[in-house]
C-alpha atoms as a PDB file:
ATOM      1  CA  MET A   1     125.247  23.111 -18.787  1.00  0.00           C
ATOM      2  CA  PRO A   2     125.135  19.245 -17.458  1.00  0.00           C
ATOM      3  CA  ALA A   3     123.348  19.091 -14.162  1.00  0.00           C
ATOM      4  CA  THR A   4     125.692  19.152 -11.344  1.00  0.00           C
ATOM      5  CA  GLU A   5     125.521  16.051  -8.651  1.00  0.00           C
ATOM      6  CA  PRO A   6     124.259  17.204  -5.308  1.00  0.00           C
ATOM      7  CA  THR A   7     127.197  17.382  -2.808  1.00  0.00           C
ATOM      8  CA  PRO A   8     127.026  13.941  -0.567  1.00  0.00           C
ATOM      9  CA  GLY A   9     126.482  14.640   3.095  1.00  0.00           C
ATOM     10  CA  PRO A  10     128.751  12.957   5.833  1.00  0.00           C
ATOM     11  CA  ASP A  11     127.768   9.466   7.216  1.00  0.00           C
ATOM     12  CA  PRO A  12     125.007   9.715   9.498  1.00  0.00           C
ATOM     13  CA  ALA A  13     127.001   7.212  11.871  1.00  0.00           C
ATOM     14  CA  LEU A  14     129.791   9.577  12.086  1.00  0.00           C
ATOM     15  CA  ILE A  15     127.477  12.610  12.849  1.00  0.00           C
ATOM     16  CA  ALA A  16     126.302  10.734  15.594  1.00  0.00           C
ATOM     17  CA  ARG A  17     129.727   9.935  17.172  1.00  0.00           C
ATOM     18  CA  ILE A  18     130.573  13.645  16.997  1.00  0.00           C
ATOM     19  CA  LYS A  19     127.568  14.453  19.143  1.00  0.00           C
ATOM     20  CA  ALA A  20     128.313  11.529  21.473  1.00  0.00           C
ATOM     21  CA  ALA A  21     131.762  12.813  21.628  1.00  0.00           C
ATOM     22  CA  HIS A  22     130.783  16.354  22.113  1.00  0.00           C
ATOM     23  CA  ASP A  23     128.219  15.219  25.249  1.00  0.00           C
ATOM     24  CA  GLY A  24     131.095  13.044  26.513  1.00  0.00           C
ATOM     25  CA  ILE A  25     133.625  15.610  26.662  1.00  0.00           C
ATOM     26  CA  THR A  26     131.330  18.237  28.091  1.00  0.00           C
ATOM     27  CA  GLY A  27     130.100  15.797  30.780  1.00  0.00           C
ATOM     28  CA  GLN A  28     133.764  15.247  31.618  1.00  0.00           C
ATOM     29  CA  LEU A  29     134.617  19.071  32.060  1.00  0.00           C
ATOM     30  CA  LYS A  30     131.567  19.647  34.363  1.00  0.00           C
ATOM     31  CA  GLN A  31     133.594  17.723  37.035  1.00  0.00           C
ATOM     32  CA  VAL A  32     136.204  20.328  37.182  1.00  0.00           C
ATOM     33  CA  VAL A  33     134.692  23.415  35.414  1.00  0.00           C
ATOM     34  CA  VAL A  34     131.892  25.234  36.878  1.00  0.00           C
ATOM     35  CA  GLY A  35     129.967  27.500  34.726  1.00  0.00           C
ATOM     36  CA  GLN A  36     131.531  28.745  31.488  1.00  0.00           C
ATOM     37  CA  GLU A  37     129.047  26.757  29.287  1.00  0.00           C
ATOM     38  CA  ALA A  38     129.208  29.066  26.249  1.00  0.00           C
ATOM     39  CA  ALA A  39     133.141  28.865  26.430  1.00  0.00           C
ATOM     40  CA  VAL A  40     133.277  25.331  26.328  1.00  0.00           C
ATOM     41  CA  THR A  41     130.803  25.025  23.519  1.00  0.00           C
ATOM     42  CA  GLN A  42     132.647  27.662  21.428  1.00  0.00           C
ATOM     43  CA  ILE A  43     136.003  25.825  22.057  1.00  0.00           C
ATOM     44  CA  LEU A  44     134.787  22.466  21.132  1.00  0.00           C
ATOM     45  CA  THR A  45     133.012  23.811  18.006  1.00  0.00           C
ATOM     46  CA  ALA A  46     136.328  25.145  16.883  1.00  0.00           C
ATOM     47  CA  MET A  47     138.548  22.101  17.814  1.00  0.00           C
ATOM     48  CA  PHE A  48     135.901  19.688  16.094  1.00  0.00           C
ATOM     49  CA  ALA A  49     136.382  21.912  12.964  1.00  0.00           C
ATOM     50  CA  GLY A  50     140.161  21.987  13.182  1.00  0.00           C
ATOM     51  CA  GLY A  51     140.285  25.602  14.498  1.00  0.00           C
ATOM     52  CA  HIS A  52     142.346  27.589  16.889  1.00  0.00           C
ATOM     53  CA  CYS A  53     140.753  29.917  19.552  1.00  0.00           C
ATOM     54  CA  ILE A  54     142.078  32.897  21.477  1.00  0.00           C
ATOM     55  CA  ILE A  55     140.203  32.878  25.158  1.00  0.00           C
ATOM     56  CA  GLN A  56     139.645  36.139  26.850  1.00  0.00           C
ATOM     57  CA  GLY A  57     138.458  36.894  30.124  1.00  0.00           C
ATOM     58  CA  PRO A  58     139.276  38.709  33.540  1.00  0.00           C
ATOM     59  CA  PRO A  59     141.649  36.533  35.919  1.00  0.00           C
ATOM     60  CA  GLY A  60     140.402  34.003  37.873  1.00  0.00           C
ATOM     61  CA  THR A  61     137.705  32.801  35.121  1.00  0.00           C
ATOM     62  CA  ALA A  62     139.051  28.985  34.402  1.00  0.00           C
ATOM     63  CA  LYS A  63     140.823  30.080  31.198  1.00  0.00           C
ATOM     64  CA  THR A  64     143.752  27.792  31.803  1.00  0.00           C
ATOM     65  CA  LEU A  65     141.945  25.153  33.602  1.00  0.00           C
ATOM     66  CA  LEU A  66     139.457  24.849  31.005  1.00  0.00           C
ATOM     67  CA  VAL A  67     142.306  24.251  28.009  1.00  0.00           C
ATOM     68  CA  SER A  68     144.267  21.640  30.169  1.00  0.00           C
ATOM     69  CA  SER A  69     141.055  19.963  30.788  1.00  0.00           C
ATOM     70  CA  ILE A  70     139.953  19.864  27.288  1.00  0.00           C
ATOM     71  CA  GLY A  71     143.191  18.200  26.620  1.00  0.00           C
ATOM     72  CA  ALA A  72     142.637  15.375  29.247  1.00  0.00           C
ATOM     73  CA  ALA A  73     139.251  14.865  28.086  1.00  0.00           C
ATOM     74  CA  SER A  74     140.001  14.878  24.567  1.00  0.00           C
ATOM     75  CA  GLY A  75     142.896  12.527  24.765  1.00  0.00           C
ATOM     76  CA  LEU A  76     145.414  14.915  23.337  1.00  0.00           C
ATOM     77  CA  GLU A  77     148.883  15.677  24.609  1.00  0.00           C
ATOM     78  CA  CYS A  78     148.807  19.463  25.847  1.00  0.00           C
ATOM     79  CA  LYS A  79     152.189  21.589  26.359  1.00  0.00           C
ATOM     80  CA  ARG A  80     151.797  24.990  28.233  1.00  0.00           C
ATOM     81  CA  ILE A  81     154.189  28.003  27.214  1.00  0.00           C
ATOM     82  CA  GLN A  82     154.119  30.897  29.525  1.00  0.00           C
ATOM     83  CA  PHE A  83     154.613  33.829  27.350  1.00  0.00           C
ATOM     84  CA  THR A  84     156.952  36.591  29.094  1.00  0.00           C
ATOM     85  CA  PRO A  85     158.422  39.628  27.615  1.00  0.00           C
ATOM     86  CA  ASP A  86     162.004  37.783  27.506  1.00  0.00           C
ATOM     87  CA  LEU A  87     160.681  34.720  25.693  1.00  0.00           C
ATOM     88  CA  MET A  88     162.343  33.885  22.336  1.00  0.00           C
ATOM     89  CA  PRO A  89     161.003  32.451  19.121  1.00  0.00           C
ATOM     90  CA  ALA A  90     163.557  29.344  19.626  1.00  0.00           C
ATOM     91  CA  ASP A  91     161.736  28.884  22.703  1.00  0.00           C
ATOM     92  CA  ILE A  92     158.421  28.017  20.820  1.00  0.00           C
ATOM     93  CA  SER A  93     159.665  26.491  17.739  1.00  0.00           C
ATOM     94  CA  GLY A  94     162.826  24.888  18.907  1.00  0.00           C
ATOM     95  CA  THR A  95     166.410  25.468  17.536  1.00  0.00           C
ATOM     96  CA  GLU A  96     169.158  23.703  15.787  1.00  0.00           C
ATOM     97  CA  VAL A  97     172.379  22.644  17.648  1.00  0.00           C
ATOM     98  CA  LEU A  98     175.655  21.331  16.550  1.00  0.00           C
ATOM     99  CA  GLU A  99     176.755  17.917  17.609  1.00  0.00           C
ATOM    100  CA  GLU A 100     179.423  15.926  16.637  1.00  0.00           C
ATOM    101  CA  ASP A 101     178.690  12.519  15.102  1.00  0.00           C
ATOM    102  CA  ARG A 102     180.719   9.939  17.114  1.00  0.00           C
ATOM    103  CA  THR A 103     181.321   7.678  14.147  1.00  0.00           C
ATOM    104  CA  THR A 104     182.770  10.187  11.899  1.00  0.00           C
ATOM    105  CA  GLY A 105     184.017  13.097  14.247  1.00  0.00           C
ATOM    106  CA  LYS A 106     182.220  15.812  11.944  1.00  0.00           C
ATOM    107  CA  ARG A 107     180.042  18.003  13.415  1.00  0.00           C
ATOM    108  CA  ILE A 108     176.376  18.086  12.200  1.00  0.00           C
ATOM    109  CA  THR A 109     173.070  20.103  12.890  1.00  0.00           C
ATOM    110  CA  ALA A 110     170.276  18.695  15.049  1.00  0.00           C
ATOM    111  CA  PHE A 111     167.042  20.146  15.231  1.00  0.00           C
ATOM    112  CA  VAL A 112     166.000  20.101  18.972  1.00  0.00           C
ATOM    113  CA  LYS A 113     162.180  20.303  18.859  1.00  0.00           C
ATOM    114  CA  GLY A 114     160.301  23.105  20.757  1.00  0.00           C
ATOM    115  CA  PRO A 115     157.230  22.636  23.273  1.00  0.00           C
ATOM    116  CA  VAL A 116     155.287  23.530  19.976  1.00  0.00           C
ATOM    117  CA  PHE A 117     155.763  20.042  18.949  1.00  0.00           C
ATOM    118  CA  THR A 118     152.441  18.558  20.578  1.00  0.00           C
ATOM    119  CA  ASN A 119     148.617  18.420  19.938  1.00  0.00           C
ATOM    120  CA  ILE A 120     147.410  21.443  22.096  1.00  0.00           C
ATOM    121  CA  VAL A 121     149.412  24.442  22.722  1.00  0.00           C
ATOM    122  CA  MET A 122     148.212  26.626  25.457  1.00  0.00           C
ATOM    123  CA  ALA A 123     149.894  29.933  25.043  1.00  0.00           C
ATOM    124  CA  ASP A 124     149.313  31.396  28.088  1.00  0.00           C
ATOM    125  CA  GLU A 125     148.883  35.146  28.583  1.00  0.00           C
ATOM    126  CA  ILE A 126     150.178  35.252  24.824  1.00  0.00           C
ATOM    127  CA  ASN A 127     150.199  39.117  24.690  1.00  0.00           C
ATOM    128  CA  ARG A 128     152.965  39.269  27.292  1.00  0.00           C
ATOM    129  CA  THR A 129     155.396  38.607  24.741  1.00  0.00           C
ATOM    130  CA  PRO A 130     156.975  41.255  22.067  1.00  0.00           C
ATOM    131  CA  PRO A 131     155.630  40.953  18.207  1.00  0.00           C
ATOM    132  CA  LYS A 132     158.825  39.036  16.975  1.00  0.00           C
ATOM    133  CA  THR A 133     158.198  36.159  19.513  1.00  0.00           C
ATOM    134  CA  GLN A 134     154.583  36.133  18.610  1.00  0.00           C
ATOM    135  CA  ALA A 135     155.418  35.815  15.014  1.00  0.00           C
ATOM    136  CA  ALA A 136     156.665  32.540  15.725  1.00  0.00           C
ATOM    137  CA  LEU A 137     153.106  31.378  15.928  1.00  0.00           C
ATOM    138  CA  LEU A 138     152.239  32.585  12.480  1.00  0.00           C
ATOM    139  CA  GLU A 139     153.747  29.654  10.435  1.00  0.00           C
ATOM    140  CA  VAL A 140     152.480  27.231  13.051  1.00  0.00           C
ATOM    141  CA  MET A 141     149.004  28.289  13.038  1.00  0.00           C
ATOM    142  CA  GLN A 142     148.599  28.368   9.395  1.00  0.00           C
ATOM    143  CA  GLU A 143     150.584  25.655   7.852  1.00  0.00           C
ATOM    144  CA  ARG A 144     150.951  23.704  10.956  1.00  0.00           C
ATOM    145  CA  GLN A 145     154.633  23.293  10.322  1.00  0.00           C
ATOM    146  CA  VAL A 146     158.008  24.858  11.636  1.00  0.00           C
ATOM    147  CA  THR A 147     160.692  25.750   9.194  1.00  0.00           C
ATOM    148  CA  ILE A 148     164.126  26.076  10.566  1.00  0.00           C
ATOM    149  CA  GLY A 149     167.439  26.452   8.817  1.00  0.00           C
ATOM    150  CA  GLY A 150     165.677  25.741   5.594  1.00  0.00           C
ATOM    151  CA  ARG A 151     164.140  22.717   6.500  1.00  0.00           C
ATOM    152  CA  THR A 152     160.382  21.868   7.153  1.00  0.00           C
ATOM    153  CA  HIS A 153     159.384  20.001  10.248  1.00  0.00           C
ATOM    154  CA  ALA A 154     155.632  18.767  10.417  1.00  0.00           C
ATOM    155  CA  LEU A 155     153.867  19.288  13.552  1.00  0.00           C
ATOM    156  CA  PRO A 156     151.767  16.449  15.287  1.00  0.00           C
ATOM    157  CA  LYS A 157     148.176  15.941  14.113  1.00  0.00           C
ATOM    158  CA  PRO A 158     145.744  16.877  15.285  1.00  0.00           C
ATOM    159  CA  PHE A 159     147.406  20.429  16.124  1.00  0.00           C
ATOM    160  CA  PHE A 160     145.437  23.318  18.037  1.00  0.00           C
ATOM    161  CA  VAL A 161     146.726  26.724  19.334  1.00  0.00           C
ATOM    162  CA  LEU A 162     144.619  27.559  22.579  1.00  0.00           C
ATOM    163  CA  ALA A 163     145.685  31.055  23.415  1.00  0.00           C
ATOM    164  CA  THR A 164     144.670  32.953  27.027  1.00  0.00           C
ATOM    165  CA  GLN A 165     144.702  36.574  27.203  1.00  0.00           C
ATOM    166  CA  ILE A 166     143.610  38.807  30.098  1.00  0.00           C
ATOM    167  CA  ASN A 167     141.988  41.661  28.484  1.00  0.00           C
ATOM    168  CA  LEU A 168     141.753  43.793  31.724  1.00  0.00           C
ATOM    169  CA  GLU A 169     145.451  44.502  31.564  1.00  0.00           C
ATOM    170  CA  GLN A 170     147.667  46.879  29.600  1.00  0.00           C
ATOM    171  CA  GLU A 171     150.580  47.473  31.605  1.00  0.00           C
ATOM    172  CA  GLY A 172     153.434  44.867  30.236  1.00  0.00           C
ATOM    173  CA  THR A 173     151.277  43.783  27.352  1.00  0.00           C
ATOM    174  CA  TYR A 174     151.705  43.865  23.366  1.00  0.00           C
ATOM    175  CA  PRO A 175     148.659  43.806  21.340  1.00  0.00           C
ATOM    176  CA  LEU A 176     148.572  40.899  18.685  1.00  0.00           C
ATOM    177  CA  PRO A 177     148.998  41.814  15.281  1.00  0.00           C
ATOM    178  CA  GLU A 178     145.654  41.546  13.278  1.00  0.00           C
ATOM    179  CA  ALA A 179     147.219  39.285  10.798  1.00  0.00           C
ATOM    180  CA  GLN A 180     147.643  36.727  13.659  1.00  0.00           C
ATOM    181  CA  MET A 181     144.390  37.482  15.344  1.00  0.00           C
ATOM    182  CA  ASP A 182     142.739  36.322  11.959  1.00  0.00           C
ATOM    183  CA  ARG A 183     144.074  33.110  12.527  1.00  0.00           C
ATOM    184  CA  PHE A 184     142.098  32.019  15.548  1.00  0.00           C
ATOM    185  CA  MET A 185     138.775  30.684  14.265  1.00  0.00           C
ATOM    186  CA  PHE A 186     137.126  31.975  17.828  1.00  0.00           C
ATOM    187  CA  SER A 187     137.424  34.769  20.177  1.00  0.00           C
ATOM    188  CA  VAL A 188     136.113  33.146  23.341  1.00  0.00           C
ATOM    189  CA  MET A 189     135.202  35.202  26.288  1.00  0.00           C
ATOM    190  CA  THR A 190     134.907  33.671  29.744  1.00  0.00           C
ATOM    191  CA  GLY A 191     133.161  35.674  32.648  1.00  0.00           C
ATOM    192  CA  TYR A 192     132.452  35.631  36.053  1.00  0.00           C
ATOM    193  CA  VAL A 193     130.175  33.196  37.481  1.00  0.00           C
ATOM    194  CA  ASN A 194     126.999  33.636  39.543  1.00  0.00           C
ATOM    195  CA  GLU A 195     126.982  33.590  43.125  1.00  0.00           C
ATOM    196  CA  THR A 196     125.804  29.785  43.281  1.00  0.00           C
ATOM    197  CA  GLU A 197     128.736  28.722  40.829  1.00  0.00           C
ATOM    198  CA  GLU A 198     131.136  30.543  42.764  1.00  0.00           C
ATOM    199  CA  ALA A 199     130.148  28.997  46.184  1.00  0.00           C
ATOM    200  CA  GLU A 200     130.541  25.479  44.155  1.00  0.00           C
ATOM    201  CA  ILE A 201     133.970  26.400  42.955  1.00  0.00           C
ATOM    202  CA  VAL A 202     135.380  27.567  46.489  1.00  0.00           C
ATOM    203  CA  ARG A 203     133.867  24.474  48.060  1.00  0.00           C
ATOM    204  CA  ARG A 204     135.683  22.315  45.223  1.00  0.00           C
ATOM    205  CA  THR A 205     138.887  23.956  45.334  1.00  0.00           C
ATOM    206  CA  THR A 206     139.442  24.181  48.853  1.00  0.00           C
ATOM    207  CA  SER A 207     138.838  20.409  49.410  1.00  0.00           C
ATOM    208  CA  THR A 208     140.925  17.331  49.176  1.00  0.00           C
ATOM    209  CA  GLY A 209     139.116  15.689  46.329  1.00  0.00           C
ATOM    210  CA  HIS A 210     140.325  16.368  42.883  1.00  0.00           C
ATOM    211  CA  PRO A 211     138.641  14.525  40.020  1.00  0.00           C
ATOM    212  CA  THR A 212     140.607  12.537  37.123  1.00  0.00           C
ATOM    213  CA  LEU A 213     139.283  13.264  33.755  1.00  0.00           C
ATOM    214  CA  SER A 214     138.776  10.144  31.381  1.00  0.00           C
ATOM    215  CA  ALA A 215     140.126  10.698  27.592  1.00  0.00           C
ATOM    216  CA  VAL A 216     136.398  10.276  25.701  1.00  0.00           C
ATOM    217  CA  ILE A 217     137.995  10.275  22.007  1.00  0.00           C
ATOM    218  CA  LYS A 218     141.341  10.009  20.550  1.00  0.00           C
ATOM    219  CA  GLY A 219     143.416  12.311  18.487  1.00  0.00           C
ATOM    220  CA  ALA A 220     142.797  10.138  15.222  1.00  0.00           C
ATOM    221  CA  GLU A 221     138.820  10.833  15.823  1.00  0.00           C
ATOM    222  CA  LEU A 222     139.136  14.504  15.777  1.00  0.00           C
ATOM    223  CA  ILE A 223     140.923  14.197  12.356  1.00  0.00           C
ATOM    224  CA  GLU A 224     137.826  12.133  11.018  1.00  0.00           C
ATOM    225  CA  PHE A 225     135.514  14.484  12.593  1.00  0.00           C
ATOM    226  CA  ALA A 226     137.013  17.449  10.912  1.00  0.00           C
ATOM    227  CA  LYS A 227     136.691  15.753   7.646  1.00  0.00           C
ATOM    228  CA  ALA A 228     133.261  14.871   8.274  1.00  0.00           C
ATOM    229  CA  ILE A 229     132.108  18.396   9.385  1.00  0.00           C
ATOM    230  CA  ARG A 230     133.293  19.709   6.124  1.00  0.00           C
ATOM    231  CA  GLN A 231     130.795  17.613   4.258  1.00  0.00           C
ATOM    232  CA  VAL A 232     127.797  18.788   6.297  1.00  0.00           C
ATOM    233  CA  ARG A 233     125.267  20.607   3.913  1.00  0.00           C
ATOM    234  CA  LEU A 234     125.221  24.515   3.985  1.00  0.00           C
ATOM    235  CA  PRO A 235     122.322  25.663   1.700  1.00  0.00           C
ATOM    236  CA  ALA A 236     123.515  28.054  -0.815  1.00  0.00           C
ATOM    237  CA  GLU A 237     120.902  30.603   0.461  1.00  0.00           C
ATOM    238  CA  LEU A 238     122.612  30.369   4.091  1.00  0.00           C
ATOM    239  CA  GLY A 239     126.153  30.557   2.171  1.00  0.00           C
ATOM    240  CA  THR A 240     124.704  34.004   0.589  1.00  0.00           C
ATOM    241  CA  TRP A 241     123.940  35.302   4.027  1.00  0.00           C
ATOM    242  CA  ILE A 242     126.889  34.403   5.566  1.00  0.00           C
ATOM    243  CA  VAL A 243     128.846  36.625   2.682  1.00  0.00           C
ATOM    244  CA  ASP A 244     126.179  39.280   3.181  1.00  0.00           C
ATOM    245  CA  LEU A 245     126.882  39.326   6.992  1.00  0.00           C
ATOM    246  CA  VAL A 246     130.607  39.901   6.538  1.00  0.00           C
ATOM    247  CA  ALA A 247     130.463  42.153   3.602  1.00  0.00           C
ATOM    248  CA  THR A 248     128.102  44.623   5.890  1.00  0.00           C
ATOM    249  CA  SER A 249     130.700  44.687   8.502  1.00  0.00           C
ATOM    250  CA  ARG A 250     132.817  47.009   6.305  1.00  0.00           C
ATOM    251  CA  PRO A 251     132.334  50.589   6.301  1.00  0.00           C
ATOM    252  CA  THR A 252     133.871  50.993   2.705  1.00  0.00           C
ATOM    253  CA  VAL A 253     131.452  48.692   1.148  1.00  0.00           C
ATOM    254  CA  ALA A 254     128.701  50.783  -0.808  1.00  0.00           C
ATOM    255  CA  GLY A 255     125.438  50.622   0.925  1.00  0.00           C
ATOM    256  CA  ALA A 256     126.894  49.974   4.454  1.00  0.00           C
ATOM    257  CA  PRO A 257     124.413  50.990   7.361  1.00  0.00           C
ATOM    258  CA  ASP A 258     125.056  53.993   9.282  1.00  0.00           C
ATOM    259  CA  PHE A 259     125.937  52.410  12.430  1.00  0.00           C
ATOM    260  CA  VAL A 260     128.674  50.773  10.461  1.00  0.00           C
ATOM    261  CA  LYS A 261     130.145  53.636   9.071  1.00  0.00           C
ATOM    262  CA  GLU A 262     129.836  55.376  12.518  1.00  0.00           C
ATOM    263  CA  TYR A 263     131.119  52.724  14.934  1.00  0.00           C
ATOM    264  CA  ILE A 264     133.450  50.474  12.726  1.00  0.00           C
ATOM    265  CA  ALA A 265     136.938  51.468  11.802  1.00  0.00           C
ATOM    266  CA  TRP A 266     137.651  48.304   9.871  1.00  0.00           C
ATOM    267  CA  GLY A 267     135.682  45.135   9.029  1.00  0.00           C
ATOM    268  CA  ALA A 268     136.037  41.695   8.647  1.00  0.00           C
ATOM    269  CA  GLY A 269     137.567  39.829   5.849  1.00  0.00           C
ATOM    270  CA  LEU A 270     137.598  36.857   3.863  1.00  0.00           C
ATOM    271  CA  ARG A 271     138.521  34.115   6.602  1.00  0.00           C
ATOM    272  CA  ALA A 272     135.551  35.670   8.726  1.00  0.00           C
ATOM    273  CA  SER A 273     133.016  33.908   6.038  1.00  0.00           C
ATOM    274  CA  GLN A 274     134.842  30.804   5.893  1.00  0.00           C
ATOM    275  CA  ASN A 275     135.148  30.502   9.403  1.00  0.00           C
ATOM    276  CA  ILE A 276     131.340  31.154  10.059  1.00  0.00           C
ATOM    277  CA  ALA A 277     130.654  28.577   7.536  1.00  0.00           C
ATOM    278  CA  LEU A 278     132.960  26.061   8.860  1.00  0.00           C
ATOM    279  CA  ALA A 279     132.115  26.801  12.422  1.00  0.00           C
ATOM    280  CA  SER A 280     128.098  26.539  11.481  1.00  0.00           C
ATOM    281  CA  LYS A 281     128.647  23.299  10.014  1.00  0.00           C
ATOM    282  CA  SER A 282     130.592  22.001  13.351  1.00  0.00           C
ATOM    283  CA  THR A 283     127.691  23.405  15.417  1.00  0.00           C
ATOM    284  CA  ALA A 284     125.240  21.530  13.309  1.00  0.00           C
ATOM    285  CA  ALA A 285     127.191  18.142  13.614  1.00  0.00           C
ATOM    286  CA  GLN A 286     127.569  18.481  17.351  1.00  0.00           C
ATOM    287  CA  HIS A 287     123.583  18.606  17.538  1.00  0.00           C
ATOM    288  CA  GLY A 288     123.487  15.305  15.196  1.00  0.00           C
ATOM    289  CA  ARG A 289     122.257  17.263  12.234  1.00  0.00           C
ATOM    290  CA  ASP A 290     124.139  17.059   8.626  1.00  0.00           C
ATOM    291  CA  THR A 291     122.418  20.309   7.713  1.00  0.00           C
ATOM    292  CA  VAL A 292     123.309  23.827   8.641  1.00  0.00           C
ATOM    293  CA  THR A 293     120.633  26.001   9.870  1.00  0.00           C
ATOM    294  CA  ALA A 294     120.276  29.581  10.422  1.00  0.00           C
ATOM    295  CA  ASP A 295     120.469  29.348  14.066  1.00  0.00           C
ATOM    296  CA  ASP A 296     123.670  27.476  13.820  1.00  0.00           C
ATOM    297  CA  ILE A 297     125.180  30.801  11.987  1.00  0.00           C
ATOM    298  CA  ARG A 298     123.919  32.743  14.464  1.00  0.00           C
ATOM    299  CA  ALA A 299     125.426  30.752  17.155  1.00  0.00           C
ATOM    300  CA  VAL A 300     128.935  31.357  15.948  1.00  0.00           C
ATOM    301  CA  THR A 301     128.814  34.858  14.380  1.00  0.00           C
ATOM    302  CA  VAL A 302     129.662  36.842  17.400  1.00  0.00           C
ATOM    303  CA  PRO A 303     132.703  34.496  18.325  1.00  0.00           C
ATOM    304  CA  VAL A 304     134.288  34.866  14.741  1.00  0.00           C
ATOM    305  CA  LEU A 305     133.780  38.326  14.546  1.00  0.00           C
ATOM    306  CA  ARG A 306     134.807  39.462  17.703  1.00  0.00           C
ATOM    307  CA  HIS A 307     138.149  39.887  17.034  1.00  0.00           C
ATOM    308  CA  ARG A 308     137.954  40.786  13.431  1.00  0.00           C
ATOM    309  CA  ILE A 309     136.147  44.141  13.630  1.00  0.00           C
ATOM    310  CA  GLY A 310     138.019  47.343  14.553  1.00  0.00           C
ATOM    311  CA  LEU A 311     135.694  49.829  16.546  1.00  0.00           C
ATOM    312  CA  SER A 312     135.937  53.198  16.043  1.00  0.00           C
ATOM    313  CA  PHE A 313     136.695  56.122  18.554  1.00  0.00           C
ATOM    314  CA  ARG A 314     132.750  56.966  18.515  1.00  0.00           C
ATOM    315  CA  ALA A 315     132.380  53.582  19.396  1.00  0.00           C
ATOM    316  CA  GLU A 316     134.580  53.921  22.160  1.00  0.00           C
ATOM    317  CA  VAL A 317     132.746  57.332  23.301  1.00  0.00           C
ATOM    318  CA  ASP A 318     129.468  55.991  23.089  1.00  0.00           C
ATOM    319  CA  LYS A 319     130.522  52.781  25.168  1.00  0.00           C
ATOM    320  CA  VAL A 320     129.539  50.490  22.013  1.00  0.00           C
ATOM    321  CA  THR A 321     131.022  46.892  22.498  1.00  0.00           C
ATOM    322  CA  VAL A 322     131.877  44.921  19.420  1.00  0.00           C
ATOM    323  CA  GLU A 323     129.192  42.162  20.434  1.00  0.00           C
ATOM    324  CA  GLN A 324     126.468  44.819  19.934  1.00  0.00           C
ATOM    325  CA  VAL A 325     127.740  45.759  16.739  1.00  0.00           C
ATOM    326  CA  VAL A 326     127.594  42.021  15.385  1.00  0.00           C
ATOM    327  CA  ASP A 327     124.202  42.158  17.253  1.00  0.00           C
ATOM    328  CA  ARG A 328     122.788  44.962  15.020  1.00  0.00           C
ATOM    329  CA  LEU A 329     124.458  43.451  11.939  1.00  0.00           C
ATOM    330  CA  ILE A 330     122.491  40.147  12.322  1.00  0.00           C
ATOM    331  CA  ALA A 331     119.404  42.384  12.746  1.00  0.00           C
ATOM    332  CA  ALA A 332     120.233  44.455   9.833  1.00  0.00           C
ATOM    333  CA  VAL A 333     120.862  41.468   7.467  1.00  0.00           C
ATOM    334  CA  PRO A 334     117.966  39.099   8.035  1.00  0.00           C
ATOM    335  CA  ALA A 335     118.296  35.481   7.167  1.00  0.00           C
ATOM    336  CA  PRO A 336     116.474  34.268   4.163  1.00  0.00           C
ATOM    337  CA  GLY A 337     113.529  32.836   5.999  1.00  0.00           C
ATOM    338  CA  ALA A 338     113.214  35.835   7.730  1.00  0.00           C
ATOM    339  CA  ALA A 339     113.330  38.023   4.850  1.00  0.00           C
ATOM    340  CA  GLN A 340     110.608  35.878   3.047  1.00  0.00           C
ATOM    341  CA  ALA A 341     108.572  36.018   6.158  1.00  0.00           C
ATOM    342  CA  ALA A 342     109.075  39.762   6.182  1.00  0.00           C
ATOM    343  CA  LYS A 343     107.972  40.252   2.694  1.00  0.00           C
ATOM    344  CA  GLY A 344     104.970  37.788   3.278  1.00  0.00           C
ATOM    345  CA  GLY A 345     103.805  39.733   6.026  1.00  0.00           C
ATOM    346  CA  ARG A 346     103.585  43.220   4.289  1.00  0.00           C
END
């Protein structure tokens, strides 16, 4: 068999621009968002790779502020859709209306674009609307287009759905179908800040000064970044490790660990492996590197798997969280270097 050519890596200058853009946006966000560093990093990791995020957490943890601020710092148009029980699919995608052609007098149909025709859709409290309306985002998130009346309308580029969800409330909410959750690259968690950060938030939000964020990059650059991130090198052994990690999360797979069979009702699918690989490439690029490391993979595994693993009733009884299960998965399937070191130490 002929030898295959090595895959060319991304342009070093472009990797440097990705790192500079990450640092610049992060610096802008610190003017308005206190704490939540992990959430900021994860959202930027997904966006630089072209992925969507669902952001979950208690009320008052800057979910909506974070999304709107990222839109301002990245120079993208951002539209907010408040999801309510009476929201209809047409309120998201748009609708066709009858109009009269003034020149011919004939009636024609015209498409009126919905708020989804923007760069960032802030789907606020997405779980407050019924599944029928939630389904309006399926084609939008996967194909980045809207089909109405047999006609397909492309969405602006770049395009992201950043959805928020208050995970403490059950009254008047509709759980998102697994097929829709699977379309989010990351499930990002925001939490309560510490006392020092909370005091700073109180000081900022009760004063008269409000900082204005500057756009660090443009939409065209994000498209360029996403293409370059796909060229970041993923060593073959690390790619195999990703697949092994995800496969181990499935309780029906032969040889699954006992804790997986006990605590997981259903495991992650193919999109999990794809998103871990792509997100780890994004992480490497934002650190100025053109090759993925095991630490890059570890950094993105929890937000990728958090919403793709269904816990069993036993996990609920034992108060085991999905994050704890993922940590055990990573420990049960050691990285290639760690596995070799363990063998060498025997």
